[in-house]
Amino acid sequence: MDITPEIPADRKYIDHYGDGGFRVAGERYEGSVIVTPEQVWQWPVSSFAELTAENVAQVLNAEPAIELLLIGCGARVERIPKDVRETLRAGAITVDGMETGAACRTYNVLMAEERRVAVALIAI
């Protein structure tokens, strides 16, 4: 029995990470990205130190609305800054930080379950 969830062809799933970028639904992206089930945005953040409320704010306008934002912090887990948490909370978005590889895997599982999730990934 195949227990692999079927992912609709129009969904953005993460195939690969590393080498300074990501492959999402078969397409290569250099650098950091934000991924929702419907779209991929280049993200001008190259290190966790550059993470701000302003550069995650675009997920507040995602359509359909996002309920959870995973942040891939790079090679290790970091504490999400208070201003980022507060900005997302004001938009009814829960945030969770983890290392980038774990964020890719967690996003794929939640997206396959049709959860309203996005992931902001710092390239490694």
Foldseek 3Di string as FASTA:
>chain_A
DDPDQDDDLQFWAWDDAAPQWTQTSNRTDHFWWKGWRHDIDHFPDQALVPDDLVRVVVQLVDPPHAQEEEEAHEQFWDDDDPRNQVSCVVSNHHYHYGHQVVQNVVNNVCVSVVHRYMYTYRGD
